[in-house]
């Protein structure tokens, strides 16, 4: 029998990469302890995803592609590496929130395989915003675009860590949302958020003194926007689902990119 990929990988990292990416990591434990470790490691997944996106953008730029084409590729890489699950979750969450139906019916709307008008519009404007913001950063410099690609991906996964903190209930008794809802202690979530914010500020230091503040602010604004959506979903649906997790991740990524694109 062949050995599983990356046999020395801790269970938390296995859970994080196995559930949040297409990277072939076999998840060997699905208990709450593994889920806790996985959600605490979610920003590490963001670092890998963001690095892959940033390298793709750099390769295109150095081969003569313009900033717009590079930005489209950078926005596409996270979607490919996550099977589009976060974008799908964003669309389903938009459909559920926009349905105007009671919680149980809204959750059924979100489980349907098709995407409604609210989901389509949300996806279109979100992807436009991501590409436009990335193009702005690449127009400033390739280094600024690279930092934006990585920071936005990490901020998106930090939003997952915070959404999985204790006190946030699951809307359904089954699914990925139920598996990770409430698994992260509040102190661990806040500690991870502080570490990511400091790391973002350090990354901004390579661009200049002002970018230390701007990059840290991008992380803070990203998780704040994700928190607004999270609380709205908890009130509306009674808790979180896998779709809500996808929605908060894409909200955080987009917010971070917009802040980093501003002067």
Protein backbone atom coordinates (compact mmCIF):
# COMPACT_ATOMS: atom_id res chain seq x y z
CA UNK A 1 0.00 0.00 0.00
CA UNK A 2 1.57 3.36 -0.98
CA UNK A 3 2.42 5.76 1.82
CA UNK A 4 0.37 8.97 2.06
CA UNK A 5 1.86 12.17 0.62
CA UNK A 6 3.94 14.26 3.04
CA UNK A 7 3.97 11.58 5.79
CA UNK A 8 5.74 13.83 8.31
CA UNK A 9 3.19 16.64 8.11
CA UNK A 10 1.42 17.37 11.45
CA UNK A 11 -2.29 16.61 11.58
CA UNK A 12 -3.27 20.28 11.79
CA UNK A 13 -1.39 21.16 8.63
CA UNK A 14 -2.78 18.05 6.93
CA UNK A 15 -6.29 19.18 7.81
CA UNK A 16 -5.62 22.73 6.61
CA UNK A 17 -4.08 21.82 3.26
CA UNK A 18 -6.34 18.82 2.68
CA UNK A 19 -9.57 20.76 3.20
CA UNK A 20 -8.60 24.19 1.88
CA UNK A 21 -6.56 23.34 -1.22
CA UNK A 22 -6.18 20.80 -4.02
CA UNK A 23 -2.66 19.97 -2.84
CA UNK A 24 -2.61 16.17 -2.46
CA UNK A 25 -2.40 15.89 1.32
CA UNK A 26 -4.35 13.05 2.85
CA UNK A 27 -6.34 14.08 5.92
CA UNK A 28 -5.95 11.23 8.41
CA UNK A 29 -7.85 12.76 11.32
CA UNK A 30 -11.21 14.59 11.29
CA UNK A 31 -11.62 15.12 15.04
CA UNK A 32 -11.98 18.49 16.73
CA UNK A 33 -8.31 18.62 17.72
CA UNK A 34 -7.18 18.21 14.12
CA UNK A 35 -9.75 20.77 12.99
CA UNK A 36 -8.48 23.22 15.62
CA UNK A 37 -4.93 22.82 14.41
CA UNK A 38 -6.08 23.12 10.81
CA UNK A 39 -7.92 26.37 11.35
CA UNK A 40 -5.02 27.83 13.31
CA UNK A 41 -2.76 26.86 10.38
CA UNK A 42 -5.08 28.38 7.77
CA UNK A 43 -2.87 31.49 7.30
CA UNK A 44 0.03 29.17 6.44
CA UNK A 45 -2.12 27.80 3.62
CA UNK A 46 -2.72 31.39 2.57
CA UNK A 47 1.00 32.00 2.46
CA UNK A 48 1.50 29.04 0.10
CA UNK A 49 -1.46 29.98 -2.09
CA UNK A 50 -0.41 33.64 -2.17
CA UNK A 51 3.16 32.74 -3.02
CA UNK A 52 1.95 30.61 -5.92
CA UNK A 53 -0.19 33.46 -7.19
CA UNK A 54 2.62 35.99 -6.78
CA UNK A 55 5.13 33.82 -8.65
CA UNK A 56 2.65 33.37 -11.49
CA UNK A 57 2.17 37.12 -11.73
CA UNK A 58 5.91 37.76 -11.73
CA UNK A 59 6.53 35.19 -14.46
CA UNK A 60 3.94 36.84 -16.68
CA UNK A 61 5.27 40.33 -16.02
CA UNK A 62 8.83 39.31 -16.76
CA UNK A 63 7.68 37.64 -19.97
CA UNK A 64 6.19 40.92 -21.15
CA UNK A 65 2.56 40.61 -20.05
CA UNK A 66 0.88 43.78 -18.87
CA UNK A 67 -0.35 44.41 -15.36
CA UNK A 68 -3.96 43.57 -16.26
CA UNK A 69 -3.17 40.12 -17.62
CA UNK A 70 -0.88 39.40 -14.68
CA UNK A 71 -3.64 40.48 -12.29
CA UNK A 72 -6.16 38.14 -13.90
CA UNK A 73 -3.71 35.26 -13.47
CA UNK A 74 -2.99 36.19 -9.86
CA UNK A 75 -6.73 36.25 -9.08
CA UNK A 76 -7.19 32.92 -10.87
CA UNK A 77 -4.48 30.96 -9.05
CA UNK A 78 -6.22 30.92 -5.62
CA UNK A 79 -9.45 29.87 -7.32
CA UNK A 80 -7.66 26.98 -9.01
CA UNK A 81 -5.82 25.93 -5.85
CA UNK A 82 -9.06 25.88 -3.86
CA UNK A 83 -11.26 24.25 -6.54
CA UNK A 84 -13.18 27.52 -6.57
CA UNK A 85 -14.77 26.57 -3.24
CA UNK A 86 -14.38 29.99 -1.67
CA UNK A 87 -15.87 31.75 -4.67
CA UNK A 88 -18.69 29.22 -4.76
CA UNK A 89 -19.26 29.80 -1.05
CA UNK A 90 -19.38 33.55 -1.60
CA UNK A 91 -21.98 33.15 -4.34
CA UNK A 92 -24.10 30.76 -2.28
CA UNK A 93 -23.90 33.03 0.76
CA UNK A 94 -25.04 35.98 -1.36
CA UNK A 95 -27.97 33.94 -2.66
CA UNK A 96 -28.92 32.91 0.88
CA UNK A 97 -28.72 36.43 2.25
CA UNK A 98 -30.55 37.88 -0.73
CA UNK A 99 -33.33 35.32 -0.78
CA UNK A 100 -35.37 37.05 1.89
CA UNK A 101 -36.52 33.64 3.13
CA UNK A 102 -36.50 32.22 6.68
CA UNK A 103 -33.23 30.66 7.85
CA UNK A 104 -34.13 27.04 6.99
CA UNK A 105 -35.28 27.96 3.49
CA UNK A 106 -32.27 30.22 2.94
CA UNK A 107 -29.95 27.36 3.90
CA UNK A 108 -31.71 25.16 1.34
CA UNK A 109 -31.15 27.86 -1.29
CA UNK A 110 -27.46 27.83 -0.45
CA UNK A 111 -27.24 24.04 -0.86
CA UNK A 112 -28.66 24.09 -4.38
CA UNK A 113 -26.16 23.39 -7.13
CA UNK A 114 -27.11 26.38 -9.29
CA UNK A 115 -26.17 30.01 -8.66
CA UNK A 116 -28.87 32.65 -8.45
CA UNK A 117 -28.77 36.29 -9.55
CA UNK A 118 -27.40 37.57 -6.24
CA UNK A 119 -24.58 35.06 -6.41
CA UNK A 120 -23.72 35.90 -10.01
CA UNK A 121 -23.62 39.64 -9.37
CA UNK A 122 -21.54 39.20 -6.22
CA UNK A 123 -19.03 37.00 -8.04
CA UNK A 124 -18.72 39.39 -10.98
CA UNK A 125 -18.16 42.50 -8.89
CA UNK A 126 -15.83 40.72 -6.47
CA UNK A 127 -13.58 39.38 -9.21
CA UNK A 128 -13.62 42.75 -11.00
CA UNK A 129 -12.59 44.45 -7.76
CA UNK A 130 -9.79 41.95 -7.14
CA UNK A 131 -8.37 42.27 -10.65
CA UNK A 132 -8.67 46.07 -10.69
CA UNK A 133 -6.98 46.40 -7.30
CA UNK A 134 -4.18 44.02 -8.27
CA UNK A 135 -3.63 45.88 -11.54
CA UNK A 136 -3.30 49.13 -9.60
CA UNK A 137 -0.66 47.65 -7.33
CA UNK A 138 1.27 46.18 -10.27
CA UNK A 139 1.13 49.53 -12.04
CA UNK A 140 2.89 51.00 -9.01
CA UNK A 141 5.59 48.31 -9.02
CA UNK A 142 6.00 44.56 -9.37
CA UNK A 143 7.09 44.40 -5.73
CA UNK A 144 3.90 46.08 -4.52
CA UNK A 145 1.79 43.69 -6.59
CA UNK A 146 3.69 40.73 -5.19
CA UNK A 147 3.13 41.84 -1.61
CA UNK A 148 -0.57 42.44 -2.34
CA UNK A 149 -1.00 38.94 -3.78
CA UNK A 150 0.55 37.29 -0.73
CA UNK A 151 -0.98 39.51 1.96
CA UNK A 152 -4.51 39.22 0.55
CA UNK A 153 -4.27 35.42 0.43
CA UNK A 154 -3.01 35.21 4.00
CA UNK A 155 -5.66 37.67 5.24
CA UNK A 156 -8.35 35.57 3.57
CA UNK A 157 -7.27 32.47 5.50
CA UNK A 158 -6.89 34.46 8.71
CA UNK A 159 -10.58 35.28 8.32
CA UNK A 160 -11.24 31.52 8.38
CA UNK A 161 -9.33 31.18 11.65
CA UNK A 162 -11.38 33.95 13.22
CA UNK A 163 -14.66 32.57 11.86
CA UNK A 164 -13.87 29.21 13.49
CA UNK A 165 -13.39 30.72 16.96
CA UNK A 166 -15.31 29.55 19.99
CA UNK A 167 -18.76 31.09 20.38
CA UNK A 168 -19.57 31.01 16.65
CA UNK A 169 -22.13 28.21 16.16
CA UNK A 170 -22.73 25.99 13.17
CA UNK A 171 -25.92 26.53 11.19
CA UNK A 172 -26.19 22.83 10.29
CA UNK A 173 -25.21 19.67 12.18
CA UNK A 174 -23.23 18.38 9.21
CA UNK A 175 -20.70 19.61 6.64
CA UNK A 176 -17.36 21.39 6.86
CA UNK A 177 -18.91 24.32 8.71
CA UNK A 178 -20.05 22.04 11.53
CA UNK A 179 -16.65 20.30 11.58
CA UNK A 180 -14.73 23.52 12.27
CA UNK A 181 -17.28 25.81 13.95
CA UNK A 182 -16.10 26.91 17.38
CA UNK A 183 -12.90 24.82 17.37
CA UNK A 184 -10.42 27.70 17.80
CA UNK A 185 -10.10 29.23 21.28
CA UNK A 186 -10.67 32.98 21.27
CA UNK A 187 -7.16 33.60 22.58
CA UNK A 188 -5.63 31.48 19.83
CA UNK A 189 -7.64 33.32 17.18
CA UNK A 190 -6.57 36.73 18.49
CA UNK A 191 -2.96 35.61 18.79
CA UNK A 192 -2.96 34.38 15.21
CA UNK A 193 -4.53 37.65 14.05
CA UNK A 194 -1.86 39.66 15.84
CA UNK A 195 0.94 37.51 14.38
CA UNK A 196 -0.42 37.85 10.84
CA UNK A 197 -0.84 41.61 11.21
CA UNK A 198 2.74 41.98 12.41
CA UNK A 199 3.98 39.76 9.58
CA UNK A 200 2.05 41.89 7.10
CA UNK A 201 3.63 45.03 8.50
CA UNK A 202 7.06 43.42 8.17
CA UNK A 203 6.32 42.57 4.53
CA UNK A 204 5.30 46.18 3.93
CA UNK A 205 8.61 47.35 5.36
CA UNK A 206 10.34 46.13 2.20
CA UNK A 207 8.35 48.70 0.23
CA UNK A 208 8.84 51.68 2.50
CA UNK A 209 7.92 53.14 5.87
CA UNK A 210 4.40 54.12 4.84
CA UNK A 211 3.70 50.60 3.61
CA UNK A 212 4.28 49.18 7.09
CA UNK A 213 1.10 50.95 8.19
CA UNK A 214 -0.77 50.36 4.95
CA UNK A 215 -0.13 46.62 4.93
CA UNK A 216 -1.07 46.22 8.58
CA UNK A 217 -4.19 48.29 7.93
CA UNK A 218 -5.07 46.06 4.99
CA UNK A 219 -5.06 43.01 7.27
CA UNK A 220 -7.12 44.77 9.94
CA UNK A 221 -9.68 46.04 7.42
CA UNK A 222 -9.85 42.61 5.78
CA UNK A 223 -10.75 40.80 8.99
CA UNK A 224 -13.12 43.61 10.00
CA UNK A 225 -15.07 43.30 6.73
CA UNK A 226 -15.12 39.53 7.10
CA UNK A 227 -16.39 39.91 10.66
CA UNK A 228 -19.27 42.09 9.49
CA UNK A 229 -20.32 39.40 7.01
CA UNK A 230 -19.82 36.65 9.59
CA UNK A 231 -22.08 38.33 12.14
CA UNK A 232 -24.71 39.01 9.51
CA UNK A 233 -24.69 35.33 8.53
CA UNK A 234 -24.89 34.13 12.13
CA UNK A 235 -27.91 36.34 12.72
CA UNK A 236 -29.51 35.37 9.41
CA UNK A 237 -28.79 31.62 9.33
CA UNK A 238 -28.29 30.83 12.99
CA UNK A 239 -24.62 30.00 12.49
CA UNK A 240 -21.92 29.32 9.93
CA UNK A 241 -21.70 26.87 7.06
CA UNK A 242 -18.94 25.91 4.67
CA UNK A 243 -20.35 28.48 2.26
CA UNK A 244 -20.11 31.21 4.88
CA UNK A 245 -16.47 30.34 5.44
CA UNK A 246 -15.87 30.77 1.72
CA UNK A 247 -17.72 34.06 1.75
CA UNK A 248 -15.71 35.54 4.59
CA UNK A 249 -12.44 34.44 2.94
CA UNK A 250 -13.24 36.15 -0.36
CA UNK A 251 -14.53 39.23 1.44
CA UNK A 252 -11.27 39.50 3.39
CA UNK A 253 -9.12 38.98 0.28
CA UNK A 254 -10.97 41.63 -1.70
CA UNK A 255 -10.90 44.16 1.13
CA UNK A 256 -7.17 43.69 1.63
CA UNK A 257 -6.51 44.22 -2.08
CA UNK A 258 -8.61 47.38 -2.20
CA UNK A 259 -6.82 48.88 0.80
CA UNK A 260 -3.43 48.01 -0.64
CA UNK A 261 -4.38 49.61 -3.97
CA UNK A 262 -5.27 52.94 -2.36
CA UNK A 263 -2.66 55.68 -2.23
